[in-house]
Amino acid sequence: MWYTMLGQTICYCDPMHNAITDFLRTSHTCLLLVHPAVSKLEGAAAQLLSVYSWPRLSVGGELSAVLFSETSQRRSRAARQWMKIHLREMSPGPVLCTEIDLLFDPTLKLDPLRLVRDVSRMTRLVVTWPGSYVDNVLAYAAPGHSHYRTWRRPEVFIKVLE
């Protein structure tokens, strides 16, 4: 079965769009779209932007410019503040957050999952998350990657892309 939304024809059987519809109908404030392949996440982001016309925040591209002018001791705080201030300006959302890899840089000493959950209380977020979600364990990157991290029972709405 097909339907038209914002001039785009979408199949009801598309799992990603079903997850988006479910997310938008709930009180959840953050949706992670998870897949290990960055190219798959980029394709999903492009599709969402064409269908929903949400604002996009390219975290890595924009945040790196901010952090460049900060001392190493202030970068963690600057990253958190930048996310909060920038996303508050984009409220109520949803905002599509992409290219989040910089948040996992160990020198920033951030908990990226906690950060996106916290800022999603101000502005609803759909986040492209490079990693996996298996048996209630969310992972960033793959085992062996220098920034690999895991979270058990992440308490966030998650859709694993096929």
C-alpha atoms as a PDB file:
ATOM      1  CA  MET A   1       0.000   0.000   0.000  1.00  0.00           C
ATOM      2  CA  TRP A   2       1.258   3.484  -0.890  1.00  0.00           C
ATOM      3  CA  TYR A   3       0.527   6.964   0.394  1.00  0.00           C
ATOM      4  CA  THR A   4       1.669  10.473  -0.451  1.00  0.00           C
ATOM      5  CA  MET A   5       3.293  12.741   2.121  1.00  0.00           C
ATOM      6  CA  LEU A   6       4.614  16.192   1.266  1.00  0.00           C
ATOM      7  CA  GLY A   7       4.464  15.339  -2.421  1.00  0.00           C
ATOM      8  CA  GLN A   8       6.470  12.125  -2.023  1.00  0.00           C
ATOM      9  CA  THR A   9       5.035   8.663  -2.588  1.00  0.00           C
ATOM     10  CA  ILE A  10       5.994   6.290   0.224  1.00  0.00           C
ATOM     11  CA  CYS A  11       5.334   2.606   0.670  1.00  0.00           C
ATOM     12  CA  TYR A  12       3.660   1.593   3.941  1.00  0.00           C
ATOM     13  CA  CYS A  13       5.922  -1.443   3.841  1.00  0.00           C
ATOM     14  CA  ASP A  14       9.112   0.670   4.116  1.00  0.00           C
ATOM     15  CA  PRO A  15      10.428  -0.158   7.614  1.00  0.00           C
ATOM     16  CA  MET A  16      12.310   3.116   8.034  1.00  0.00           C
ATOM     17  CA  HIS A  17       9.277   5.238   7.231  1.00  0.00           C
ATOM     18  CA  ASN A  18       7.130   3.044   9.475  1.00  0.00           C
ATOM     19  CA  ALA A  19       9.612   3.695  12.295  1.00  0.00           C
ATOM     20  CA  ILE A  20       9.487   7.442  11.587  1.00  0.00           C
ATOM     21  CA  THR A  21       5.698   7.389  11.633  1.00  0.00           C
ATOM     22  CA  ASP A  22       5.693   5.447  14.914  1.00  0.00           C
ATOM     23  CA  PHE A  23       8.244   7.848  16.398  1.00  0.00           C
ATOM     24  CA  LEU A  24       6.247  10.924  15.380  1.00  0.00           C
ATOM     25  CA  ARG A  25       3.082   9.469  16.914  1.00  0.00           C
ATOM     26  CA  THR A  26       4.701   8.842  20.302  1.00  0.00           C
ATOM     27  CA  SER A  27       6.113  11.003  23.049  1.00  0.00           C
ATOM     28  CA  HIS A  28       9.646   9.756  22.321  1.00  0.00           C
ATOM     29  CA  THR A  29      12.051  12.629  21.788  1.00  0.00           C
ATOM     30  CA  CYS A  30      14.960  10.814  20.150  1.00  0.00           C
ATOM     31  CA  LEU A  31      15.139   8.208  17.393  1.00  0.00           C
ATOM     32  CA  LEU A  32      18.406   6.545  16.437  1.00  0.00           C
ATOM     33  CA  LEU A  33      18.659   5.149  12.918  1.00  0.00           C
ATOM     34  CA  VAL A  34      21.397   2.534  13.292  1.00  0.00           C
ATOM     35  CA  HIS A  35      23.547   0.839  10.673  1.00  0.00           C
ATOM     36  CA  PRO A  36      27.273   0.042  10.488  1.00  0.00           C
ATOM     37  CA  ALA A  37      27.685   1.439   6.959  1.00  0.00           C
ATOM     38  CA  VAL A  38      27.980   5.213   6.778  1.00  0.00           C
ATOM     39  CA  SER A  39      26.856   5.122   3.136  1.00  0.00           C
ATOM     40  CA  LYS A  40      23.578   3.476   4.213  1.00  0.00           C
ATOM     41  CA  LEU A  41      23.047   6.192   6.845  1.00  0.00           C
ATOM     42  CA  GLU A  42      23.785   8.928   4.305  1.00  0.00           C
ATOM     43  CA  GLY A  43      21.232   7.420   1.925  1.00  0.00           C
ATOM     44  CA  ALA A  44      18.626   7.252   4.691  1.00  0.00           C
ATOM     45  CA  ALA A  45      19.348  10.876   5.630  1.00  0.00           C
ATOM     46  CA  ALA A  46      18.946  12.019   2.027  1.00  0.00           C
ATOM     47  CA  GLN A  47      15.666  10.147   1.759  1.00  0.00           C
ATOM     48  CA  LEU A  48      14.337  11.645   4.998  1.00  0.00           C
ATOM     49  CA  LEU A  49      15.325  15.158   3.976  1.00  0.00           C
ATOM     50  CA  SER A  50      13.540  14.792   0.648  1.00  0.00           C
ATOM     51  CA  VAL A  51      10.357  13.451   2.238  1.00  0.00           C
ATOM     52  CA  TYR A  52      10.088  15.383   5.493  1.00  0.00           C
ATOM     53  CA  SER A  53      12.124  18.558   4.831  1.00  0.00           C
ATOM     54  CA  TRP A  54      13.417  18.615   8.397  1.00  0.00           C
ATOM     55  CA  PRO A  55      16.308  20.847   9.318  1.00  0.00           C
ATOM     56  CA  ARG A  56      19.637  19.026   9.318  1.00  0.00           C
ATOM     57  CA  LEU A  57      22.515  19.396  11.721  1.00  0.00           C
ATOM     58  CA  SER A  58      25.793  18.007  10.388  1.00  0.00           C
ATOM     59  CA  VAL A  59      27.425  17.655  13.790  1.00  0.00           C
ATOM     60  CA  GLY A  60      30.964  16.863  12.652  1.00  0.00           C
ATOM     61  CA  GLY A  61      31.142  19.584  10.044  1.00  0.00           C
ATOM     62  CA  GLU A  62      29.764  22.347  12.224  1.00  0.00           C
ATOM     63  CA  LEU A  63      31.150  21.346  15.613  1.00  0.00           C
ATOM     64  CA  SER A  64      34.714  20.905  14.347  1.00  0.00           C
ATOM     65  CA  ALA A  65      34.819  24.588  13.392  1.00  0.00           C
ATOM     66  CA  VAL A  66      33.763  25.541  16.930  1.00  0.00           C
ATOM     67  CA  LEU A  67      36.250  23.223  18.625  1.00  0.00           C
ATOM     68  CA  PHE A  68      39.131  24.418  16.471  1.00  0.00           C
ATOM     69  CA  SER A  69      39.252  27.707  18.378  1.00  0.00           C
ATOM     70  CA  GLU A  70      38.958  26.099  21.842  1.00  0.00           C
ATOM     71  CA  THR A  71      41.741  24.884  24.097  1.00  0.00           C
ATOM     72  CA  SER A  72      41.860  21.136  24.687  1.00  0.00           C
ATOM     73  CA  GLN A  73      40.665  21.633  28.273  1.00  0.00           C
ATOM     74  CA  ARG A  74      37.543  23.504  27.129  1.00  0.00           C
ATOM     75  CA  ARG A  75      36.511  21.344  24.176  1.00  0.00           C
ATOM     76  CA  SER A  76      34.266  18.959  26.104  1.00  0.00           C
ATOM     77  CA  ARG A  77      32.268  21.770  27.674  1.00  0.00           C
ATOM     78  CA  ALA A  78      32.208  23.714  24.400  1.00  0.00           C
ATOM     79  CA  ALA A  79      30.823  20.678  22.532  1.00  0.00           C
ATOM     80  CA  ARG A  80      28.017  20.152  25.054  1.00  0.00           C
ATOM     81  CA  GLN A  81      27.104  23.836  25.089  1.00  0.00           C
ATOM     82  CA  TRP A  82      27.194  24.083  21.313  1.00  0.00           C
ATOM     83  CA  MET A  83      24.850  21.103  20.935  1.00  0.00           C
ATOM     84  CA  LYS A  84      22.399  22.487  23.497  1.00  0.00           C
ATOM     85  CA  ILE A  85      22.387  26.042  22.158  1.00  0.00           C
ATOM     86  CA  HIS A  86      22.301  25.051  18.482  1.00  0.00           C
ATOM     87  CA  LEU A  87      19.501  22.534  18.881  1.00  0.00           C
ATOM     88  CA  ARG A  88      17.472  24.810  21.143  1.00  0.00           C
ATOM     89  CA  GLU A  89      17.462  27.284  18.240  1.00  0.00           C
ATOM     90  CA  MET A  90      16.068  24.545  15.990  1.00  0.00           C
ATOM     91  CA  SER A  91      13.265  23.606  18.389  1.00  0.00           C
ATOM     92  CA  PRO A  92      10.740  21.959  18.353  1.00  0.00           C
ATOM     93  CA  GLY A  93      12.083  19.656  15.645  1.00  0.00           C
ATOM     94  CA  PRO A  94      12.419  16.998  14.539  1.00  0.00           C
ATOM     95  CA  VAL A  95      15.970  17.772  13.510  1.00  0.00           C
ATOM     96  CA  LEU A  96      18.007  15.259  11.564  1.00  0.00           C
ATOM     97  CA  CYS A  97      21.463  14.922  13.183  1.00  0.00           C
ATOM     98  CA  THR A  98      24.082  13.390  10.939  1.00  0.00           C
ATOM     99  CA  GLU A  99      27.842  12.869  10.934  1.00  0.00           C
ATOM    100  CA  ILE A 100      28.037  12.440  14.710  1.00  0.00           C
ATOM    101  CA  ASP A 101      31.454  10.747  14.736  1.00  0.00           C
ATOM    102  CA  LEU A 102      33.263  13.717  16.286  1.00  0.00           C
ATOM    103  CA  LEU A 103      31.209  13.272  19.473  1.00  0.00           C
ATOM    104  CA  PHE A 104      33.021   9.962  20.056  1.00  0.00           C
ATOM    105  CA  ASP A 105      36.508  11.448  20.026  1.00  0.00           C
ATOM    106  CA  PRO A 106      37.994  10.312  23.354  1.00  0.00           C
ATOM    107  CA  THR A 107      39.648  13.685  23.931  1.00  0.00           C
ATOM    108  CA  LEU A 108      36.190  15.269  24.255  1.00  0.00           C
ATOM    109  CA  LYS A 109      35.303  12.949  27.165  1.00  0.00           C
ATOM    110  CA  LEU A 110      31.633  12.902  26.173  1.00  0.00           C
ATOM    111  CA  ASP A 111      28.932  10.288  26.493  1.00  0.00           C
ATOM    112  CA  PRO A 112      27.378  10.855  23.049  1.00  0.00           C
ATOM    113  CA  LEU A 113      24.250   8.827  23.794  1.00  0.00           C
ATOM    114  CA  ARG A 114      23.587  10.772  26.972  1.00  0.00           C
ATOM    115  CA  LEU A 115      24.221  14.039  25.135  1.00  0.00           C
ATOM    116  CA  VAL A 116      21.715  13.325  22.341  1.00  0.00           C
ATOM    117  CA  ARG A 117      19.145  12.090  24.873  1.00  0.00           C
ATOM    118  CA  ASP A 118      19.610  15.257  26.953  1.00  0.00           C
ATOM    119  CA  VAL A 119      19.340  17.696  24.052  1.00  0.00           C
ATOM    120  CA  SER A 120      16.376  15.799  22.616  1.00  0.00           C
ATOM    121  CA  ARG A 121      14.370  16.954  25.630  1.00  0.00           C
ATOM    122  CA  MET A 122      14.495  20.442  24.073  1.00  0.00           C
ATOM    123  CA  THR A 123      14.271  19.464  20.419  1.00  0.00           C
ATOM    124  CA  ARG A 124      13.115  16.161  18.948  1.00  0.00           C
ATOM    125  CA  LEU A 125      15.958  14.404  17.169  1.00  0.00           C
ATOM    126  CA  VAL A 126      16.414  11.759  14.523  1.00  0.00           C
ATOM    127  CA  VAL A 127      20.067  10.713  14.645  1.00  0.00           C
ATOM    128  CA  THR A 128      21.996   8.630  12.127  1.00  0.00           C
ATOM    129  CA  TRP A 129      24.125   6.334  14.315  1.00  0.00           C
ATOM    130  CA  PRO A 130      27.001   4.373  12.761  1.00  0.00           C
ATOM    131  CA  GLY A 131      27.068   1.116  14.662  1.00  0.00           C
ATOM    132  CA  SER A 132      24.796  -1.730  15.676  1.00  0.00           C
ATOM    133  CA  TYR A 133      21.976  -2.651  18.013  1.00  0.00           C
ATOM    134  CA  VAL A 134      21.759  -6.319  19.008  1.00  0.00           C
ATOM    135  CA  ASP A 135      20.222  -7.909  22.124  1.00  0.00           C
ATOM    136  CA  ASN A 136      19.525  -4.518  23.757  1.00  0.00           C
ATOM    137  CA  VAL A 137      23.132  -3.422  23.313  1.00  0.00           C
ATOM    138  CA  LEU A 138      23.786  -0.302  21.268  1.00  0.00           C
ATOM    139  CA  ALA A 139      27.285   0.012  19.825  1.00  0.00           C
ATOM    140  CA  TYR A 140      29.125   2.794  18.115  1.00  0.00           C
ATOM    141  CA  ALA A 141      31.521   1.622  15.392  1.00  0.00           C
ATOM    142  CA  ALA A 142      32.720  -1.989  15.275  1.00  0.00           C
ATOM    143  CA  PRO A 143      34.809  -3.980  17.727  1.00  0.00           C
ATOM    144  CA  GLY A 144      38.452  -3.165  17.136  1.00  0.00           C
ATOM    145  CA  HIS A 145      37.750   0.444  16.132  1.00  0.00           C
ATOM    146  CA  SER A 146      39.622   2.853  18.427  1.00  0.00           C
ATOM    147  CA  HIS A 147      36.398   4.672  19.386  1.00  0.00           C
ATOM    148  CA  TYR A 148      34.214   1.557  19.791  1.00  0.00           C
ATOM    149  CA  ARG A 149      31.705   1.939  22.643  1.00  0.00           C
ATOM    150  CA  THR A 150      28.623   0.095  23.877  1.00  0.00           C
ATOM    151  CA  TRP A 151      25.550   0.876  25.959  1.00  0.00           C
ATOM    152  CA  ARG A 152      23.220  -1.718  27.513  1.00  0.00           C
ATOM    153  CA  ARG A 153      19.518  -0.886  27.375  1.00  0.00           C
ATOM    154  CA  PRO A 154      20.022   2.583  25.894  1.00  0.00           C
ATOM    155  CA  GLU A 155      16.513   3.894  26.742  1.00  0.00           C
ATOM    156  CA  VAL A 156      15.958   5.513  23.373  1.00  0.00           C
ATOM    157  CA  PHE A 157      13.774   4.699  20.364  1.00  0.00           C
ATOM    158  CA  ILE A 158      15.921   2.717  17.885  1.00  0.00           C
ATOM    159  CA  LYS A 159      15.421   1.543  14.324  1.00  0.00           C
ATOM    160  CA  VAL A 160      18.062  -0.717  12.793  1.00  0.00           C
ATOM    161  CA  LEU A 161      18.174  -0.018   9.059  1.00  0.00           C
ATOM    162  CA  GLU A 162      18.147  -2.986   6.728  1.00  0.00           C
END
